[in-house]
Amino acid sequence: MTELLQELLAHVPEPAPGEVEPRIALEELLERFQRRAFGVFLLVVVLPSFIPVALGVGAISGVLSVLCGLQMMWGSERPWLPKFARDFGLPRRRLANFARKTEIWFRWLEKIIKPRQERFTGRSADIFTGFIIVLMGIALSLPVPLTNFFFAVPLAVLAFALIERDGVMIAISWAASIAVMATFYFVGDAFFHWVI
């Protein structure tokens, strides 16, 4: 992932003094990652859930995650986005700062998350992965306080696994997602019966 970001930044030169800051369209970013674009898209929509801001971020991230999952289940080669989202531009300087600040973390993740166990990255696996993303996206979008983090972490790990085509981490993300949803279901059910 680090190399692809650097390649993309090299493709868009830095502006000269006085020039308008160039922007990199989200469509171009996804194009660079080709089949791994679902992982990039999922990571982009899930990351805001880790930011402690006003309520409603989880709902937006959840809905967009559901959109991502449904398209994977449908068998799309890459994420479909409405035109306004495709044309949305990321300032080059901001993307360069992000790449610089996260490079050490991405390098570390790339040592752990790497291409392996391709049977979990094929078409049949993508359908189940999309199903898991849909369920987790629905859970993430629910207005339950202090739960975003628990649903966002497995989705973020799954996003990195999709980017690197790591079948082992994809399978681990499936298990973690199911465990999280089951835990919240049983805790919620117990709380409901306690209240009633």
C-alpha atoms as a PDB file:
ATOM      1  CA  MET A   1       0.000   0.000   0.000  1.00  0.00           C
ATOM      2  CA  THR A   2       2.860   2.371   0.836  1.00  0.00           C
ATOM      3  CA  GLU A   3       4.422   1.959  -2.609  1.00  0.00           C
ATOM      4  CA  LEU A   4       1.106   2.605  -4.370  1.00  0.00           C
ATOM      5  CA  LEU A   5       0.539   5.826  -2.417  1.00  0.00           C
ATOM      6  CA  GLN A   6       4.053   7.017  -3.237  1.00  0.00           C
ATOM      7  CA  GLU A   7       3.529   6.161  -6.907  1.00  0.00           C
ATOM      8  CA  LEU A   8       0.248   8.079  -6.933  1.00  0.00           C
ATOM      9  CA  LEU A   9       1.870  11.131  -5.307  1.00  0.00           C
ATOM     10  CA  ALA A  10       4.744  11.018  -7.804  1.00  0.00           C
ATOM     11  CA  HIS A  11       2.167  11.087 -10.586  1.00  0.00           C
ATOM     12  CA  VAL A  12       0.830  14.415  -9.246  1.00  0.00           C
ATOM     13  CA  PRO A  13       3.733  16.890  -8.879  1.00  0.00           C
ATOM     14  CA  GLU A  14       3.913  19.393  -6.055  1.00  0.00           C
ATOM     15  CA  PRO A  15       2.549  22.828  -6.972  1.00  0.00           C
ATOM     16  CA  ALA A  16       4.922  25.717  -7.559  1.00  0.00           C
ATOM     17  CA  PRO A  17       4.596  28.733  -5.249  1.00  0.00           C
ATOM     18  CA  GLY A  18       1.395  30.581  -6.069  1.00  0.00           C
ATOM     19  CA  GLU A  19      -0.167  27.666  -7.947  1.00  0.00           C
ATOM     20  CA  VAL A  20      -3.450  26.064  -6.935  1.00  0.00           C
ATOM     21  CA  GLU A  21      -3.068  22.977  -4.758  1.00  0.00           C
ATOM     22  CA  PRO A  22      -3.725  19.917  -6.988  1.00  0.00           C
ATOM     23  CA  ARG A  23      -6.321  17.418  -5.836  1.00  0.00           C
ATOM     24  CA  ILE A  24      -6.347  13.652  -6.334  1.00  0.00           C
ATOM     25  CA  ALA A  25      -9.800  12.315  -7.155  1.00  0.00           C
ATOM     26  CA  LEU A  26     -11.081   9.410  -5.062  1.00  0.00           C
ATOM     27  CA  GLU A  27     -11.809   7.647  -8.354  1.00  0.00           C
ATOM     28  CA  GLU A  28      -8.120   7.829  -9.297  1.00  0.00           C
ATOM     29  CA  LEU A  29      -7.088   6.517  -5.890  1.00  0.00           C
ATOM     30  CA  LEU A  30      -9.381   3.506  -6.220  1.00  0.00           C
ATOM     31  CA  GLU A  31      -8.229   2.965  -9.814  1.00  0.00           C
ATOM     32  CA  ARG A  32      -4.652   2.536  -8.615  1.00  0.00           C
ATOM     33  CA  PHE A  33      -5.628  -0.305  -6.319  1.00  0.00           C
ATOM     34  CA  GLN A  34      -7.775  -2.098  -8.941  1.00  0.00           C
ATOM     35  CA  ARG A  35      -9.203  -5.320  -7.403  1.00  0.00           C
ATOM     36  CA  ARG A  36      -7.994  -4.235  -3.968  1.00  0.00           C
ATOM     37  CA  ALA A  37     -10.081  -1.070  -4.222  1.00  0.00           C
ATOM     38  CA  PHE A  38     -12.799  -2.571  -1.987  1.00  0.00           C
ATOM     39  CA  GLY A  39     -10.286  -2.709   0.840  1.00  0.00           C
ATOM     40  CA  VAL A  40      -9.278   0.922   0.270  1.00  0.00           C
ATOM     41  CA  PHE A  41     -12.903   2.043   0.079  1.00  0.00           C
ATOM     42  CA  LEU A  42     -13.790   0.174   3.282  1.00  0.00           C
ATOM     43  CA  LEU A  43     -10.775   1.619   5.098  1.00  0.00           C
ATOM     44  CA  VAL A  44     -11.651   5.177   4.008  1.00  0.00           C
ATOM     45  CA  VAL A  45     -15.251   4.917   5.247  1.00  0.00           C
ATOM     46  CA  VAL A  46     -14.378   3.152   8.531  1.00  0.00           C
ATOM     47  CA  LEU A  47     -11.502   5.382   9.703  1.00  0.00           C
ATOM     48  CA  PRO A  48     -13.792   8.273  10.802  1.00  0.00           C
ATOM     49  CA  SER A  49     -15.418   5.901  13.315  1.00  0.00           C
ATOM     50  CA  PHE A  50     -12.203   6.012  15.351  1.00  0.00           C
ATOM     51  CA  ILE A  51     -12.395   9.788  15.716  1.00  0.00           C
ATOM     52  CA  PRO A  52     -14.227  10.942  18.876  1.00  0.00           C
ATOM     53  CA  VAL A  53     -16.520  13.461  17.208  1.00  0.00           C
ATOM     54  CA  ALA A  54     -20.238  14.152  17.270  1.00  0.00           C
ATOM     55  CA  LEU A  55     -22.769  11.334  17.051  1.00  0.00           C
ATOM     56  CA  GLY A  56     -23.728  10.310  13.551  1.00  0.00           C
ATOM     57  CA  VAL A  57     -20.286   9.385  12.187  1.00  0.00           C
ATOM     58  CA  GLY A  58     -20.956   5.711  12.857  1.00  0.00           C
ATOM     59  CA  ALA A  59     -24.230   5.909  10.955  1.00  0.00           C
ATOM     60  CA  ILE A  60     -22.511   7.369   7.872  1.00  0.00           C
ATOM     61  CA  SER A  61     -19.631   4.876   8.059  1.00  0.00           C
ATOM     62  CA  GLY A  62     -22.100   2.049   8.579  1.00  0.00           C
ATOM     63  CA  VAL A  63     -24.246   2.915   5.566  1.00  0.00           C
ATOM     64  CA  LEU A  64     -21.193   3.246   3.307  1.00  0.00           C
ATOM     65  CA  SER A  65     -19.849  -0.060   4.650  1.00  0.00           C
ATOM     66  CA  VAL A  66     -23.150  -1.716   3.754  1.00  0.00           C
ATOM     67  CA  LEU A  67     -22.829  -0.251   0.235  1.00  0.00           C
ATOM     68  CA  CYS A  68     -19.347  -1.761  -0.013  1.00  0.00           C
ATOM     69  CA  GLY A  69     -20.489  -5.167   1.243  1.00  0.00           C
ATOM     70  CA  LEU A  70     -23.479  -5.366  -1.080  1.00  0.00           C
ATOM     71  CA  GLN A  71     -21.298  -4.677  -4.093  1.00  0.00           C
ATOM     72  CA  MET A  72     -18.857  -7.394  -3.056  1.00  0.00           C
ATOM     73  CA  MET A  73     -21.762  -9.837  -2.724  1.00  0.00           C
ATOM     74  CA  TRP A  74     -23.005  -8.779  -6.152  1.00  0.00           C
ATOM     75  CA  GLY A  75     -19.621  -9.584  -7.663  1.00  0.00           C
ATOM     76  CA  SER A  76     -18.559  -6.109  -8.726  1.00  0.00           C
ATOM     77  CA  GLU A  77     -14.930  -5.853  -9.807  1.00  0.00           C
ATOM     78  CA  ARG A  78     -14.493  -2.544  -7.996  1.00  0.00           C
ATOM     79  CA  PRO A  79     -16.628  -0.214  -5.875  1.00  0.00           C
ATOM     80  CA  TRP A  80     -19.293   1.860  -7.586  1.00  0.00           C
ATOM     81  CA  LEU A  81     -19.582   5.396  -6.297  1.00  0.00           C
ATOM     82  CA  PRO A  82     -21.978   8.210  -7.233  1.00  0.00           C
ATOM     83  CA  LYS A  83     -20.386  10.885  -9.432  1.00  0.00           C
ATOM     84  CA  PHE A  84     -19.996  13.447  -6.648  1.00  0.00           C
ATOM     85  CA  ALA A  85     -18.058  10.878  -4.591  1.00  0.00           C
ATOM     86  CA  ARG A  86     -15.933   9.751  -7.553  1.00  0.00           C
ATOM     87  CA  ASP A  87     -14.960  13.346  -8.290  1.00  0.00           C
ATOM     88  CA  PHE A  88     -14.252  14.188  -4.655  1.00  0.00           C
ATOM     89  CA  GLY A  89     -10.663  15.387  -4.525  1.00  0.00           C
ATOM     90  CA  LEU A  90      -8.111  14.896  -1.780  1.00  0.00           C
ATOM     91  CA  PRO A  91      -5.543  17.718  -1.561  1.00  0.00           C
ATOM     92  CA  ARG A  92      -2.123  16.394  -2.590  1.00  0.00           C
ATOM     93  CA  ARG A  93      -0.371  17.941   0.407  1.00  0.00           C
ATOM     94  CA  ARG A  94      -2.801  16.356   2.860  1.00  0.00           C
ATOM     95  CA  LEU A  95      -2.458  12.939   1.239  1.00  0.00           C
ATOM     96  CA  ALA A  96       1.343  13.318   1.258  1.00  0.00           C
ATOM     97  CA  ASN A  97       1.272  14.177   4.975  1.00  0.00           C
ATOM     98  CA  PHE A  98      -0.924  11.159   5.639  1.00  0.00           C
ATOM     99  CA  ALA A  99       1.458   8.884   3.701  1.00  0.00           C
ATOM    100  CA  ARG A 100       4.481  10.258   5.573  1.00  0.00           C
ATOM    101  CA  LYS A 101       2.939  10.007   9.056  1.00  0.00           C
ATOM    102  CA  THR A 102       1.535   6.513   8.539  1.00  0.00           C
ATOM    103  CA  GLU A 103       4.435   5.002   6.586  1.00  0.00           C
ATOM    104  CA  ILE A 104       6.032   3.374   9.637  1.00  0.00           C
ATOM    105  CA  TRP A 105       2.675   1.855  10.644  1.00  0.00           C
ATOM    106  CA  PHE A 106       1.936   0.607   7.137  1.00  0.00           C
ATOM    107  CA  ARG A 107       5.438  -0.902   6.903  1.00  0.00           C
ATOM    108  CA  TRP A 108       4.807  -2.710  10.196  1.00  0.00           C
ATOM    109  CA  LEU A 109       1.352  -3.908   9.064  1.00  0.00           C
ATOM    110  CA  GLU A 110       2.772  -5.155   5.764  1.00  0.00           C
ATOM    111  CA  LYS A 111       5.069  -7.480   7.719  1.00  0.00           C
ATOM    112  CA  ILE A 112       2.056  -9.047   9.421  1.00  0.00           C
ATOM    113  CA  ILE A 113      -0.581  -8.760   6.702  1.00  0.00           C
ATOM    114  CA  LYS A 114       0.681 -10.229   3.438  1.00  0.00           C
ATOM    115  CA  PRO A 115      -0.667 -12.228   0.477  1.00  0.00           C
ATOM    116  CA  ARG A 116      -1.445 -15.831   1.543  1.00  0.00           C
ATOM    117  CA  GLN A 117      -4.205 -18.472   1.613  1.00  0.00           C
ATOM    118  CA  GLU A 118      -5.810 -17.332  -1.640  1.00  0.00           C
ATOM    119  CA  ARG A 119      -8.815 -19.611  -1.146  1.00  0.00           C
ATOM    120  CA  PHE A 120     -10.143 -16.942   1.237  1.00  0.00           C
ATOM    121  CA  THR A 121      -9.763 -14.207  -1.379  1.00  0.00           C
ATOM    122  CA  GLY A 122     -11.692 -15.786  -4.261  1.00  0.00           C
ATOM    123  CA  ARG A 123     -15.202 -15.123  -5.553  1.00  0.00           C
ATOM    124  CA  SER A 124     -17.038 -17.402  -3.090  1.00  0.00           C
ATOM    125  CA  ALA A 125     -15.091 -15.931  -0.186  1.00  0.00           C
ATOM    126  CA  ASP A 126     -15.856 -12.406  -1.416  1.00  0.00           C
ATOM    127  CA  ILE A 127     -19.586 -13.143  -1.160  1.00  0.00           C
ATOM    128  CA  PHE A 128     -19.227 -14.167   2.486  1.00  0.00           C
ATOM    129  CA  THR A 129     -16.876 -11.241   3.179  1.00  0.00           C
ATOM    130  CA  GLY A 130     -19.464  -8.882   1.696  1.00  0.00           C
ATOM    131  CA  PHE A 131     -22.151 -10.472   3.879  1.00  0.00           C
ATOM    132  CA  ILE A 132     -20.027  -9.927   7.012  1.00  0.00           C
ATOM    133  CA  ILE A 133     -19.375  -6.298   5.997  1.00  0.00           C
ATOM    134  CA  VAL A 134     -23.113  -5.712   5.504  1.00  0.00           C
ATOM    135  CA  LEU A 135     -23.953  -7.099   8.964  1.00  0.00           C
ATOM    136  CA  MET A 136     -21.150  -5.136  10.632  1.00  0.00           C
ATOM    137  CA  GLY A 137     -22.126  -1.995   8.720  1.00  0.00           C
ATOM    138  CA  ILE A 138     -25.707  -2.289   9.959  1.00  0.00           C
ATOM    139  CA  ALA A 139     -24.451  -2.772  13.528  1.00  0.00           C
ATOM    140  CA  LEU A 140     -22.074   0.187  13.170  1.00  0.00           C
ATOM    141  CA  SER A 141     -24.885   2.438  11.982  1.00  0.00           C
ATOM    142  CA  LEU A 142     -27.090   1.748  15.020  1.00  0.00           C
ATOM    143  CA  PRO A 143     -27.319   4.691  17.460  1.00  0.00           C
ATOM    144  CA  VAL A 144     -25.797   2.815  20.393  1.00  0.00           C
ATOM    145  CA  PRO A 145     -23.277   4.937  22.345  1.00  0.00           C
ATOM    146  CA  LEU A 146     -19.652   3.797  22.736  1.00  0.00           C
ATOM    147  CA  THR A 147     -19.938   0.872  20.303  1.00  0.00           C
ATOM    148  CA  ASN A 148     -18.345   2.305  17.146  1.00  0.00           C
ATOM    149  CA  PHE A 149     -14.848   1.192  18.125  1.00  0.00           C
ATOM    150  CA  PHE A 150     -15.821  -2.460  18.645  1.00  0.00           C
ATOM    151  CA  PHE A 151     -17.377  -2.740  15.188  1.00  0.00           C
ATOM    152  CA  ALA A 152     -14.837  -0.542  13.406  1.00  0.00           C
ATOM    153  CA  VAL A 153     -11.738  -2.484  14.505  1.00  0.00           C
ATOM    154  CA  PRO A 154     -12.651  -5.792  12.774  1.00  0.00           C
ATOM    155  CA  LEU A 155     -13.754  -3.837   9.689  1.00  0.00           C
ATOM    156  CA  ALA A 156     -10.445  -1.942   9.569  1.00  0.00           C
ATOM    157  CA  VAL A 157      -8.458  -5.183   9.905  1.00  0.00           C
ATOM    158  CA  LEU A 158     -10.613  -6.701   7.175  1.00  0.00           C
ATOM    159  CA  ALA A 159      -9.940  -3.659   4.973  1.00  0.00           C
ATOM    160  CA  PHE A 160      -6.168  -4.087   5.326  1.00  0.00           C
ATOM    161  CA  ALA A 161      -6.523  -7.836   4.668  1.00  0.00           C
ATOM    162  CA  LEU A 162      -8.465  -7.131   1.459  1.00  0.00           C
ATOM    163  CA  ILE A 163      -5.839  -4.619   0.316  1.00  0.00           C
ATOM    164  CA  GLU A 164      -3.003  -7.117   0.861  1.00  0.00           C
ATOM    165  CA  ARG A 165      -5.075 -10.174  -0.224  1.00  0.00           C
ATOM    166  CA  ASP A 166      -4.305 -11.905   3.082  1.00  0.00           C
ATOM    167  CA  GLY A 167      -6.639 -14.882   3.372  1.00  0.00           C
ATOM    168  CA  VAL A 168      -5.532 -15.694   6.923  1.00  0.00           C
ATOM    169  CA  MET A 169      -6.379 -12.206   8.225  1.00  0.00           C
ATOM    170  CA  ILE A 170      -9.649 -12.235   6.268  1.00  0.00           C
ATOM    171  CA  ALA A 171     -10.651 -15.458   8.042  1.00  0.00           C
ATOM    172  CA  ILE A 172      -9.581 -13.994  11.404  1.00  0.00           C
ATOM    173  CA  SER A 173     -11.656 -10.879  10.649  1.00  0.00           C
ATOM    174  CA  TRP A 174     -14.682 -13.086   9.911  1.00  0.00           C
ATOM    175  CA  ALA A 175     -14.303 -14.797  13.277  1.00  0.00           C
ATOM    176  CA  ALA A 176     -13.736 -11.512  15.136  1.00  0.00           C
ATOM    177  CA  SER A 177     -16.765  -9.903  13.477  1.00  0.00           C
ATOM    178  CA  ILE A 178     -19.028 -12.841  14.328  1.00  0.00           C
ATOM    179  CA  ALA A 179     -17.713 -12.842  17.919  1.00  0.00           C
ATOM    180  CA  VAL A 180     -18.353  -9.103  18.308  1.00  0.00           C
ATOM    181  CA  MET A 181     -21.879  -9.325  16.893  1.00  0.00           C
ATOM    182  CA  ALA A 182     -22.704 -12.380  19.027  1.00  0.00           C
ATOM    183  CA  THR A 183     -21.369 -10.685  22.165  1.00  0.00           C
ATOM    184  CA  PHE A 184     -23.416  -7.543  21.621  1.00  0.00           C
ATOM    185  CA  TYR A 185     -26.488  -9.616  20.807  1.00  0.00           C
ATOM    186  CA  PHE A 186     -26.315 -11.639  24.023  1.00  0.00           C
ATOM    187  CA  VAL A 187     -25.368  -8.626  26.156  1.00  0.00           C
ATOM    188  CA  GLY A 188     -28.200  -6.604  24.628  1.00  0.00           C
ATOM    189  CA  ASP A 189     -30.660  -9.452  25.087  1.00  0.00           C
ATOM    190  CA  ALA A 190     -29.644  -9.901  28.744  1.00  0.00           C
ATOM    191  CA  PHE A 191     -29.923  -6.159  29.366  1.00  0.00           C
ATOM    192  CA  PHE A 192     -33.343  -6.039  27.728  1.00  0.00           C
ATOM    193  CA  HIS A 193     -34.679  -8.874  29.904  1.00  0.00           C
ATOM    194  CA  TRP A 194     -33.125  -7.285  33.001  1.00  0.00           C
ATOM    195  CA  VAL A 195     -34.872  -3.979  32.257  1.00  0.00           C
ATOM    196  CA  ILE A 196     -38.190  -5.651  31.477  1.00  0.00           C
END
